[in-house]
Amino acid sequence: MNTQWRAAYSVAAFAVAILAGTAPAQAQDPNAARALAATCFTCHGTEGRSVGDVPPSIAGREKAVLLQLLKDFRDGKRPATIMHQQAKGYTDAQFEFIAGYFANVKPAPARAGY
């Protein structure tokens, strides 16, 4: 094996080792789930509470429902404009953290007069 291939293999092996170790690290870090979920804030609002429910608020929804939605977007089973592209970037373990995070966020109170 030449030096260039050996270096590439070493980098790839290191990346796999790092990624394999992220789930236990996320389980130990209470902020890890929020850090993953923060990528959703841009569209779904701070803490998953969207303004006007477009796109829908996801704060306080059942974990199992959110988890299935994420997997369906990723697997192309649910039509989307952008969610199918976003969901492809996550593992099942990361989906568990994200769905669990939003399930534990209190939804925004209903507004009077709206």
N, C-alpha and C. Protein backbone atom coordinates (compact mmCIF):
# COMPACT_ATOMS: atom_id res chain seq x y z
N MET A 1 0.85 -1.16 0.00
CA MET A 1 0.00 0.00 0.00
C MET A 1 0.90 1.23 0.00
N ASN A 2 0.63 2.15 -0.93
CA ASN A 2 1.48 3.33 -0.99
C ASN A 2 1.14 4.31 0.14
N THR A 3 1.98 5.29 0.34
CA THR A 3 1.85 6.22 1.45
C THR A 3 0.57 7.02 1.38
N GLN A 4 0.18 7.44 0.17
CA GLN A 4 -1.03 8.23 0.01
C GLN A 4 -2.26 7.43 0.43
N TRP A 5 -2.35 6.19 0.00
CA TRP A 5 -3.49 5.33 0.37
C TRP A 5 -3.47 5.03 1.86
N ARG A 6 -2.31 4.82 2.42
CA ARG A 6 -2.19 4.52 3.84
C ARG A 6 -2.69 5.72 4.66
N ALA A 7 -2.33 6.92 4.24
CA ALA A 7 -2.78 8.13 4.94
C ALA A 7 -4.29 8.29 4.83
N ALA A 8 -4.84 8.05 3.64
CA ALA A 8 -6.29 8.14 3.45
C ALA A 8 -7.02 7.11 4.30
N TYR A 9 -6.47 5.90 4.35
CA TYR A 9 -7.07 4.84 5.16
C TYR A 9 -7.04 5.21 6.63
N SER A 10 -5.96 5.79 7.08
CA SER A 10 -5.83 6.19 8.49
C SER A 10 -6.85 7.27 8.85
N VAL A 11 -7.02 8.24 7.97
CA VAL A 11 -7.99 9.30 8.20
C VAL A 11 -9.40 8.72 8.24
N ALA A 12 -9.73 7.83 7.30
CA ALA A 12 -11.05 7.21 7.27
C ALA A 12 -11.29 6.37 8.53
N ALA A 13 -10.30 5.62 8.95
CA ALA A 13 -10.44 4.80 10.15
C ALA A 13 -10.64 5.68 11.38
N PHE A 14 -9.94 6.79 11.44
CA PHE A 14 -10.10 7.73 12.55
C PHE A 14 -11.51 8.32 12.57
N ALA A 15 -12.01 8.70 11.40
CA ALA A 15 -13.35 9.28 11.31
C ALA A 15 -14.41 8.27 11.75
N VAL A 16 -14.27 7.03 11.34
CA VAL A 16 -15.22 5.99 11.75
C VAL A 16 -15.17 5.80 13.26
N ALA A 17 -13.98 5.79 13.82
CA ALA A 17 -13.84 5.63 15.27
C ALA A 17 -14.50 6.78 16.01
N ILE A 18 -14.34 7.99 15.52
CA ILE A 18 -14.95 9.16 16.15
C ILE A 18 -16.47 9.08 16.06
N LEU A 19 -17.00 8.77 14.86
CA LEU A 19 -18.44 8.70 14.68
C LEU A 19 -19.04 7.57 15.50
N ALA A 20 -18.38 6.47 15.61
CA ALA A 20 -18.88 5.34 16.39
C ALA A 20 -18.98 5.70 17.86
N GLY A 21 -18.15 6.60 18.30
CA GLY A 21 -18.15 6.97 19.71
C GLY A 21 -19.07 8.13 20.04
N THR A 22 -19.80 8.68 19.08
CA THR A 22 -20.63 9.84 19.37
C THR A 22 -21.89 9.52 20.15
N ALA A 23 -22.50 8.37 19.94
CA ALA A 23 -23.75 8.06 20.64
C ALA A 23 -23.54 8.01 22.16
N PRO A 24 -22.54 7.29 22.67
CA PRO A 24 -22.34 7.31 24.12
C PRO A 24 -22.02 8.71 24.64
N ALA A 25 -21.26 9.45 23.88
CA ALA A 25 -20.90 10.81 24.31
C ALA A 25 -22.15 11.68 24.37
N GLN A 26 -23.04 11.53 23.38
CA GLN A 26 -24.26 12.33 23.38
C GLN A 26 -25.16 11.92 24.54
N ALA A 27 -25.18 10.64 24.87
CA ALA A 27 -26.01 10.18 25.98
C ALA A 27 -25.53 10.77 27.30
N GLN A 28 -24.24 11.03 27.43
CA GLN A 28 -23.67 11.56 28.66
C GLN A 28 -23.77 13.08 28.72
N ASP A 29 -23.81 13.74 27.61
CA ASP A 29 -23.84 15.19 27.57
C ASP A 29 -25.28 15.68 27.46
N PRO A 30 -25.80 16.35 28.48
CA PRO A 30 -27.19 16.80 28.44
C PRO A 30 -27.46 17.84 27.35
N ASN A 31 -26.43 18.50 26.87
CA ASN A 31 -26.61 19.51 25.83
C ASN A 31 -26.49 18.94 24.42
N ALA A 32 -26.07 17.69 24.30
CA ALA A 32 -25.86 17.10 22.98
C ALA A 32 -27.15 17.00 22.18
N ALA A 33 -28.24 16.60 22.82
CA ALA A 33 -29.51 16.48 22.11
C ALA A 33 -29.96 17.86 21.61
N ARG A 34 -29.81 18.88 22.45
CA ARG A 34 -30.20 20.23 22.03
C ARG A 34 -29.32 20.71 20.88
N ALA A 35 -28.05 20.38 20.93
CA ALA A 35 -27.14 20.79 19.86
C ALA A 35 -27.57 20.17 18.53
N LEU A 36 -27.97 18.91 18.53
CA LEU A 36 -28.46 18.29 17.31
C LEU A 36 -29.78 18.92 16.88
N ALA A 37 -30.67 19.14 17.83
CA ALA A 37 -31.99 19.70 17.53
C ALA A 37 -31.91 21.14 17.06
N ALA A 38 -30.86 21.85 17.42
CA ALA A 38 -30.73 23.26 17.06
C ALA A 38 -30.75 23.48 15.56
N THR A 39 -30.36 22.49 14.79
CA THR A 39 -30.40 22.65 13.34
C THR A 39 -31.83 22.78 12.84
N CYS A 40 -32.79 22.34 13.63
CA CYS A 40 -34.21 22.41 13.26
C CYS A 40 -34.81 23.79 13.57
N PHE A 41 -34.15 24.56 14.45
CA PHE A 41 -34.69 25.82 14.91
C PHE A 41 -34.88 26.83 13.78
N THR A 42 -34.04 26.77 12.77
CA THR A 42 -34.12 27.74 11.67
C THR A 42 -35.50 27.73 11.03
N CYS A 43 -36.04 26.56 10.78
CA CYS A 43 -37.35 26.47 10.13
C CYS A 43 -38.49 26.31 11.13
N HIS A 44 -38.29 25.48 12.15
CA HIS A 44 -39.37 25.14 13.07
C HIS A 44 -39.45 26.05 14.29
N GLY A 45 -38.61 27.09 14.33
CA GLY A 45 -38.66 28.05 15.42
C GLY A 45 -37.80 27.64 16.61
N THR A 46 -37.51 28.63 17.44
CA THR A 46 -36.71 28.38 18.63
C THR A 46 -37.38 27.32 19.48
N GLU A 47 -36.62 26.31 19.85
CA GLU A 47 -37.11 25.19 20.65
C GLU A 47 -38.23 24.42 19.95
N GLY A 48 -38.35 24.58 18.63
CA GLY A 48 -39.37 23.84 17.88
C GLY A 48 -40.75 24.47 17.92
N ARG A 49 -40.81 25.71 18.33
CA ARG A 49 -42.09 26.44 18.41
C ARG A 49 -42.16 27.43 17.25
N SER A 50 -42.75 27.01 16.15
CA SER A 50 -42.80 27.88 14.98
C SER A 50 -43.87 28.95 15.14
N VAL A 51 -43.70 30.02 14.43
CA VAL A 51 -44.66 31.13 14.46
C VAL A 51 -45.70 30.84 13.39
N GLY A 52 -46.95 30.73 13.80
CA GLY A 52 -48.02 30.49 12.86
C GLY A 52 -48.10 29.05 12.37
N ASP A 53 -47.32 28.18 12.95
CA ASP A 53 -47.31 26.75 12.61
C ASP A 53 -46.96 26.45 11.16
N VAL A 54 -46.21 27.34 10.51
CA VAL A 54 -45.71 27.06 9.16
C VAL A 54 -44.21 27.32 9.18
N PRO A 55 -43.41 26.28 9.06
CA PRO A 55 -43.74 24.86 9.13
C PRO A 55 -44.28 24.52 10.52
N PRO A 56 -44.79 23.31 10.69
CA PRO A 56 -45.44 22.99 11.96
C PRO A 56 -44.49 23.04 13.16
N SER A 57 -45.07 23.42 14.30
CA SER A 57 -44.33 23.36 15.55
C SER A 57 -44.11 21.89 15.89
N ILE A 58 -42.95 21.59 16.43
CA ILE A 58 -42.65 20.21 16.78
C ILE A 58 -42.39 20.05 18.28
N ALA A 59 -42.42 21.14 19.01
CA ALA A 59 -42.23 21.09 20.45
C ALA A 59 -43.38 20.35 21.10
N GLY A 60 -43.06 19.40 21.98
CA GLY A 60 -44.08 18.70 22.74
C GLY A 60 -44.78 17.56 22.01
N ARG A 61 -44.40 17.30 20.77
CA ARG A 61 -45.02 16.18 20.05
C ARG A 61 -44.45 14.87 20.57
N GLU A 62 -45.18 13.80 20.41
CA GLU A 62 -44.74 12.50 20.90
C GLU A 62 -43.45 12.06 20.22
N LYS A 63 -42.55 11.51 21.01
CA LYS A 63 -41.26 11.07 20.50
C LYS A 63 -41.42 10.06 19.37
N ALA A 64 -42.28 9.07 19.56
CA ALA A 64 -42.46 8.04 18.54
C ALA A 64 -42.96 8.62 17.22
N VAL A 65 -43.84 9.61 17.31
CA VAL A 65 -44.37 10.25 16.10
C VAL A 65 -43.26 11.01 15.39
N LEU A 66 -42.51 11.81 16.14
CA LEU A 66 -41.40 12.57 15.55
C LEU A 66 -40.36 11.64 14.93
N LEU A 67 -40.04 10.58 15.63
CA LEU A 67 -39.05 9.63 15.15
C LEU A 67 -39.50 9.01 13.83
N GLN A 68 -40.76 8.62 13.75
CA GLN A 68 -41.26 8.02 12.51
C GLN A 68 -41.27 9.04 11.38
N LEU A 69 -41.66 10.28 11.67
CA LEU A 69 -41.65 11.33 10.64
C LEU A 69 -40.25 11.54 10.09
N LEU A 70 -39.27 11.62 10.97
CA LEU A 70 -37.89 11.82 10.54
C LEU A 70 -37.42 10.68 9.64
N LYS A 71 -37.71 9.46 10.04
CA LYS A 71 -37.31 8.30 9.24
C LYS A 71 -38.04 8.28 7.90
N ASP A 72 -39.32 8.64 7.91
CA ASP A 72 -40.09 8.66 6.67
C ASP A 72 -39.56 9.72 5.70
N PHE A 73 -39.20 10.88 6.22
CA PHE A 73 -38.59 11.91 5.36
C PHE A 73 -37.28 11.39 4.77
N ARG A 74 -36.43 10.83 5.62
CA ARG A 74 -35.13 10.33 5.17
C ARG A 74 -35.27 9.24 4.11
N ASP A 75 -36.23 8.35 4.32
CA ASP A 75 -36.39 7.19 3.44
C ASP A 75 -37.25 7.48 2.22
N GLY A 76 -37.70 8.73 2.05
CA GLY A 76 -38.49 9.11 0.88
C GLY A 76 -39.93 8.64 0.94
N LYS A 77 -40.42 8.26 2.10
CA LYS A 77 -41.80 7.78 2.25
C LYS A 77 -42.78 8.91 2.48
N ARG A 78 -42.27 10.09 2.77
CA ARG A 78 -43.13 11.26 3.03
C ARG A 78 -42.65 12.39 2.13
N PRO A 79 -43.55 12.98 1.35
CA PRO A 79 -43.14 14.07 0.47
C PRO A 79 -42.69 15.30 1.25
N ALA A 80 -41.74 16.01 0.67
CA ALA A 80 -41.21 17.20 1.35
C ALA A 80 -40.53 18.10 0.34
N THR A 81 -40.36 19.34 0.74
CA THR A 81 -39.59 20.26 -0.09
C THR A 81 -38.13 20.26 0.31
N ILE A 82 -37.87 20.17 1.61
CA ILE A 82 -36.49 20.19 2.09
C ILE A 82 -36.20 19.14 3.16
N MET A 83 -37.21 18.69 3.89
CA MET A 83 -36.98 17.77 5.01
C MET A 83 -36.31 16.47 4.58
N HIS A 84 -36.63 15.98 3.41
CA HIS A 84 -35.99 14.73 2.96
C HIS A 84 -34.49 14.92 2.80
N GLN A 85 -34.07 16.11 2.40
CA GLN A 85 -32.64 16.39 2.27
C GLN A 85 -32.00 16.57 3.63
N GLN A 86 -32.68 17.25 4.53
CA GLN A 86 -32.15 17.46 5.88
C GLN A 86 -32.01 16.14 6.62
N ALA A 87 -33.02 15.30 6.52
CA ALA A 87 -33.05 14.06 7.29
C ALA A 87 -31.99 13.06 6.85
N LYS A 88 -31.54 13.13 5.63
CA LYS A 88 -30.51 12.19 5.16
C LYS A 88 -29.18 12.36 5.89
N GLY A 89 -28.98 13.47 6.55
CA GLY A 89 -27.72 13.73 7.22
C GLY A 89 -27.61 13.14 8.63
N TYR A 90 -28.62 12.41 9.09
CA TYR A 90 -28.63 11.93 10.46
C TYR A 90 -28.73 10.41 10.55
N THR A 91 -28.20 9.87 11.63
CA THR A 91 -28.31 8.44 11.90
C THR A 91 -29.56 8.19 12.73
N ASP A 92 -29.94 6.93 12.87
CA ASP A 92 -31.08 6.59 13.72
C ASP A 92 -30.84 7.02 15.16
N ALA A 93 -29.61 6.86 15.63
CA ALA A 93 -29.28 7.27 17.00
C ALA A 93 -29.46 8.78 17.18
N GLN A 94 -29.05 9.55 16.19
CA GLN A 94 -29.22 10.99 16.26
C GLN A 94 -30.70 11.37 16.20
N PHE A 95 -31.48 10.64 15.38
CA PHE A 95 -32.92 10.87 15.34
C PHE A 95 -33.53 10.65 16.73
N GLU A 96 -33.06 9.63 17.44
CA GLU A 96 -33.57 9.34 18.79
C GLU A 96 -33.35 10.55 19.70
N PHE A 97 -32.16 11.12 19.64
CA PHE A 97 -31.85 12.29 20.46
C PHE A 97 -32.72 13.48 20.08
N ILE A 98 -32.85 13.73 18.79
CA ILE A 98 -33.63 14.88 18.32
C ILE A 98 -35.10 14.73 18.69
N ALA A 99 -35.68 13.56 18.41
CA ALA A 99 -37.09 13.32 18.73
C ALA A 99 -37.33 13.40 20.24
N GLY A 100 -36.42 12.85 21.02
CA GLY A 100 -36.54 12.92 22.47
C GLY A 100 -36.45 14.34 22.99
N TYR A 101 -35.58 15.11 22.39
CA TYR A 101 -35.44 16.51 22.81
C TYR A 101 -36.75 17.26 22.60
N PHE A 102 -37.27 17.21 21.37
CA PHE A 102 -38.49 17.98 21.08
C PHE A 102 -39.70 17.45 21.84
N ALA A 103 -39.75 16.16 22.11
CA ALA A 103 -40.85 15.59 22.89
C ALA A 103 -40.88 16.16 24.31
N ASN A 104 -39.72 16.55 24.80
CA ASN A 104 -39.62 17.07 26.16
C ASN A 104 -39.69 18.59 26.26
N VAL A 105 -39.85 19.26 25.13
CA VAL A 105 -39.98 20.73 25.14
C VAL A 105 -41.47 21.07 25.27
N LYS A 106 -41.77 21.96 26.17
CA LYS A 106 -43.16 22.38 26.37
C LYS A 106 -43.60 23.21 25.15
N PRO A 107 -44.75 22.86 24.56
CA PRO A 107 -45.23 23.64 23.42
C PRO A 107 -45.56 25.08 23.83
N ALA A 108 -45.57 25.96 22.87
CA ALA A 108 -45.92 27.35 23.13
C ALA A 108 -47.40 27.42 23.51
N PRO A 109 -47.74 28.30 24.45
CA PRO A 109 -49.16 28.45 24.82
C PRO A 109 -49.96 29.02 23.65
N ALA A 110 -51.20 28.65 23.58
CA ALA A 110 -52.08 29.17 22.53
C ALA A 110 -52.26 30.67 22.75
N ARG A 111 -52.27 31.41 21.66
CA ARG A 111 -52.46 32.85 21.75
C ARG A 111 -53.94 33.19 21.82
N ALA A 112 -54.28 34.12 22.68
CA ALA A 112 -55.66 34.57 22.78
C ALA A 112 -56.01 35.40 21.55
N GLY A 113 -57.18 35.17 21.00
CA GLY A 113 -57.63 35.97 19.86
C GLY A 113 -57.10 35.52 18.53
N TYR A 114 -56.38 34.41 18.46
CA TYR A 114 -55.86 33.95 17.17
C TYR A 114 -56.50 32.65 16.78
